[in-house]
C-alpha atoms as a PDB file:
ATOM      1  CA  MET A   1     -39.279   8.099  42.333  1.00  0.00           C
ATOM      2  CA  GLN A   2     -42.003   9.158  45.136  1.00  0.00           C
ATOM      3  CA  VAL A   3     -41.441   9.045  48.704  1.00  0.00           C
ATOM      4  CA  GLN A   4     -43.608   5.930  49.142  1.00  0.00           C
ATOM      5  CA  GLN A   5     -41.428   4.073  46.947  1.00  0.00           C
ATOM      6  CA  ILE A   6     -38.228   4.523  48.847  1.00  0.00           C
ATOM      7  CA  VAL A   7     -40.144   3.930  51.882  1.00  0.00           C
ATOM      8  CA  LYS A   8     -40.944   0.430  50.697  1.00  0.00           C
ATOM      9  CA  LYS A   9     -37.474  -0.477  48.824  1.00  0.00           C
ATOM     10  CA  LEU A  10     -35.257   0.888  51.925  1.00  0.00           C
ATOM     11  CA  ASN A  11     -37.836  -0.675  54.409  1.00  0.00           C
ATOM     12  CA  LEU A  12     -38.287   2.595  56.294  1.00  0.00           C
ATOM     13  CA  THR A  13     -40.686   3.566  58.955  1.00  0.00           C
ATOM     14  CA  VAL A  14     -43.120   6.521  58.237  1.00  0.00           C
ATOM     15  CA  ILE A  15     -42.737   8.688  61.601  1.00  0.00           C
ATOM     16  CA  GLY A  16     -44.700  11.668  60.615  1.00  0.00           C
ATOM     17  CA  GLY A  17     -45.733  14.101  57.764  1.00  0.00           C
ATOM     18  CA  ASN A  18     -47.880  11.205  56.054  1.00  0.00           C
ATOM     19  CA  ASP A  19     -49.580  13.842  53.867  1.00  0.00           C
ATOM     20  CA  GLY A  20     -46.125  14.196  51.862  1.00  0.00           C
ATOM     21  CA  ILE A  21     -45.930  10.462  51.206  1.00  0.00           C
ATOM     22  CA  ASP A  22     -46.659  10.894  47.344  1.00  0.00           C
ATOM     23  CA  ASN A  23     -43.746  13.733  46.899  1.00  0.00           C
ATOM     24  CA  GLU A  24     -41.260  13.262  44.248  1.00  0.00           C
ATOM     25  CA  ILE A  25     -37.719  12.654  45.079  1.00  0.00           C
ATOM     26  CA  THR A  26     -35.298  14.305  42.608  1.00  0.00           C
ATOM     27  CA  GLY A  27     -32.080  13.283  44.587  1.00  0.00           C
ATOM     28  CA  GLY A  28     -30.719  12.828  47.966  1.00  0.00           C
ATOM     29  CA  TYR A  29     -28.256  14.834  50.708  1.00  0.00           C
ATOM     30  CA  THR A  30     -26.601  13.547  53.540  1.00  0.00           C
ATOM     31  CA  SER A  31     -25.291  16.064  56.334  1.00  0.00           C
ATOM     32  CA  ASP A  32     -25.744  16.785  59.881  1.00  0.00           C
ATOM     33  CA  LEU A  33     -24.691  20.251  59.683  1.00  0.00           C
ATOM     34  CA  LEU A  34     -27.680  22.562  59.103  1.00  0.00           C
ATOM     35  CA  SER A  35     -26.157  25.243  57.455  1.00  0.00           C
ATOM     36  CA  ASP A  36     -24.347  22.821  54.835  1.00  0.00           C
ATOM     37  CA  VAL A  37     -27.717  21.463  54.154  1.00  0.00           C
ATOM     38  CA  MET A  38     -29.491  24.949  53.848  1.00  0.00           C
ATOM     39  CA  GLY A  39     -26.831  26.254  51.290  1.00  0.00           C
ATOM     40  CA  ASN A  40     -26.392  22.739  49.218  1.00  0.00           C
ATOM     41  CA  VAL A  41     -29.408  20.559  49.310  1.00  0.00           C
ATOM     42  CA  GLY A  42     -31.468  20.730  46.193  1.00  0.00           C
ATOM     43  CA  ASP A  43     -35.291  20.796  45.669  1.00  0.00           C
ATOM     44  CA  GLY A  44     -36.969  17.867  46.186  1.00  0.00           C
ATOM     45  CA  ASN A  45     -34.163  15.981  47.591  1.00  0.00           C
ATOM     46  CA  VAL A  46     -34.339  13.347  50.354  1.00  0.00           C
ATOM     47  CA  TRP A  47     -32.166  14.739  53.400  1.00  0.00           C
ATOM     48  CA  ILE A  48     -30.580  11.881  55.390  1.00  0.00           C
ATOM     49  CA  THR A  49     -29.505  13.005  58.918  1.00  0.00           C
ATOM     50  CA  LEU A  50     -29.154  11.917  62.430  1.00  0.00           C
ATOM     51  CA  GLN A  51     -30.487  15.530  63.654  1.00  0.00           C
ATOM     52  CA  THR A  52     -33.938  15.256  65.321  1.00  0.00           C
ATOM     53  CA  HIS A  53     -34.932  19.008  66.351  1.00  0.00           C
ATOM     54  CA  LYS A  54     -37.554  21.157  64.810  1.00  0.00           C
ATOM     55  CA  ASN A  55     -34.780  23.243  62.940  1.00  0.00           C
ATOM     56  CA  VAL A  56     -34.425  20.251  60.677  1.00  0.00           C
ATOM     57  CA  MET A  57     -38.146  20.868  59.546  1.00  0.00           C
ATOM     58  CA  ALA A  58     -37.218  24.584  59.381  1.00  0.00           C
ATOM     59  CA  ILE A  59     -34.697  23.967  56.715  1.00  0.00           C
ATOM     60  CA  ALA A  60     -36.786  20.778  55.165  1.00  0.00           C
ATOM     61  CA  SER A  61     -39.917  23.440  54.455  1.00  0.00           C
ATOM     62  CA  LEU A  62     -37.415  26.527  53.224  1.00  0.00           C
ATOM     63  CA  ARG A  63     -35.716  24.010  50.884  1.00  0.00           C
ATOM     64  CA  ASP A  64     -38.446  22.174  49.569  1.00  0.00           C
ATOM     65  CA  ILE A  65     -37.131  18.965  50.927  1.00  0.00           C
ATOM     66  CA  SER A  66     -39.460  15.880  49.803  1.00  0.00           C
ATOM     67  CA  ALA A  67     -38.726  13.844  53.026  1.00  0.00           C
ATOM     68  CA  VAL A  68     -36.280  13.517  55.913  1.00  0.00           C
ATOM     69  CA  ILE A  69     -34.851  10.013  56.825  1.00  0.00           C
ATOM     70  CA  LEU A  70     -33.308   9.518  60.321  1.00  0.00           C
ATOM     71  CA  VAL A  71     -30.733   7.037  61.033  1.00  0.00           C
ATOM     72  CA  LYS A  72     -29.716   4.722  63.695  1.00  0.00           C
ATOM     73  CA  GLY A  73     -32.936   4.041  65.190  1.00  0.00           C
ATOM     74  CA  LEU A  74     -33.053   7.881  65.831  1.00  0.00           C
ATOM     75  CA  LYS A  75     -37.012   9.248  66.854  1.00  0.00           C
ATOM     76  CA  PRO A  76     -37.865  12.865  66.074  1.00  0.00           C
ATOM     77  CA  ASP A  77     -38.306  15.289  68.921  1.00  0.00           C
ATOM     78  CA  ALA A  78     -42.095  16.067  69.690  1.00  0.00           C
ATOM     79  CA  ASP A  79     -41.969  19.572  67.972  1.00  0.00           C
ATOM     80  CA  MET A  80     -40.039  18.315  65.044  1.00  0.00           C
ATOM     81  CA  LEU A  81     -42.808  15.874  64.295  1.00  0.00           C
ATOM     82  CA  GLU A  82     -45.603  18.236  65.187  1.00  0.00           C
ATOM     83  CA  LYS A  83     -43.821  20.628  62.491  1.00  0.00           C
ATOM     84  CA  ALA A  84     -43.600  17.594  60.081  1.00  0.00           C
ATOM     85  CA  ASN A  85     -47.052  17.042  60.379  1.00  0.00           C
ATOM     86  CA  GLU A  86     -47.853  20.462  59.588  1.00  0.00           C
ATOM     87  CA  GLU A  87     -45.622  20.911  56.905  1.00  0.00           C
ATOM     88  CA  GLY A  88     -46.633  17.587  55.442  1.00  0.00           C
ATOM     89  CA  ILE A  89     -43.071  16.574  55.125  1.00  0.00           C
ATOM     90  CA  PRO A  90     -42.460  12.915  55.869  1.00  0.00           C
ATOM     91  CA  VAL A  91     -39.915  11.854  58.496  1.00  0.00           C
ATOM     92  CA  LEU A  92     -38.933   8.403  57.952  1.00  0.00           C
ATOM     93  CA  GLY A  93     -36.991   6.444  60.296  1.00  0.00           C
ATOM     94  CA  THR A  94     -34.404   3.517  59.845  1.00  0.00           C
ATOM     95  CA  GLU A  95     -32.023   1.353  62.159  1.00  0.00           C
ATOM     96  CA  MET A  96     -29.355   1.679  59.108  1.00  0.00           C
ATOM     97  CA  GLU A  97     -26.085   3.602  59.554  1.00  0.00           C
ATOM     98  CA  THR A  98     -25.811   7.043  57.507  1.00  0.00           C
ATOM     99  CA  PHE A  99     -23.532   5.273  55.160  1.00  0.00           C
ATOM    100  CA  GLU A 100     -25.814   2.295  54.434  1.00  0.00           C
ATOM    101  CA  VAL A 101     -28.689   4.082  53.791  1.00  0.00           C
ATOM    102  CA  THR A 102     -27.041   6.757  51.899  1.00  0.00           C
ATOM    103  CA  GLY A 103     -25.454   4.048  49.688  1.00  0.00           C
ATOM    104  CA  LYS A 104     -28.835   2.120  48.837  1.00  0.00           C
ATOM    105  CA  LEU A 105     -30.970   5.225  48.214  1.00  0.00           C
ATOM    106  CA  PHE A 106     -28.041   6.417  45.451  1.00  0.00           C
ATOM    107  CA  GLY A 107     -28.342   3.133  44.124  1.00  0.00           C
ATOM    108  CA  PHE A 108     -31.980   3.372  43.639  1.00  0.00           C
ATOM    109  CA  LEU A 109     -32.016   6.755  42.302  1.00  0.00           C
ATOM    110  CA  GLN A 110     -29.433   5.672  39.597  1.00  0.00           C
ATOM    111  CA  LYS A 111     -31.695   3.111  38.137  1.00  0.00           C
END
């Protein structure tokens, strides 16, 4: 599945990193603890978080994350958005709570 497919299925907003919209997704990971993500996220995963600062993009780039989903209507800081555009890693937004978007993404990826 590609990032653009989950954008449509989950009705997400593409906030930045549009060049990566065709990235392949291998799974998902939900966490707000950066060290947890750094040690456990898989390459090609979509990361669901409420963190909105540039360190998110540093980890996303280092770990080859396909996209980052920001929950609860949160918006990325300007430096996070700049890094997303530089790296071509989509930052996606939703009004959904973390639990809800995680469950929906899990369901789509299991099909």
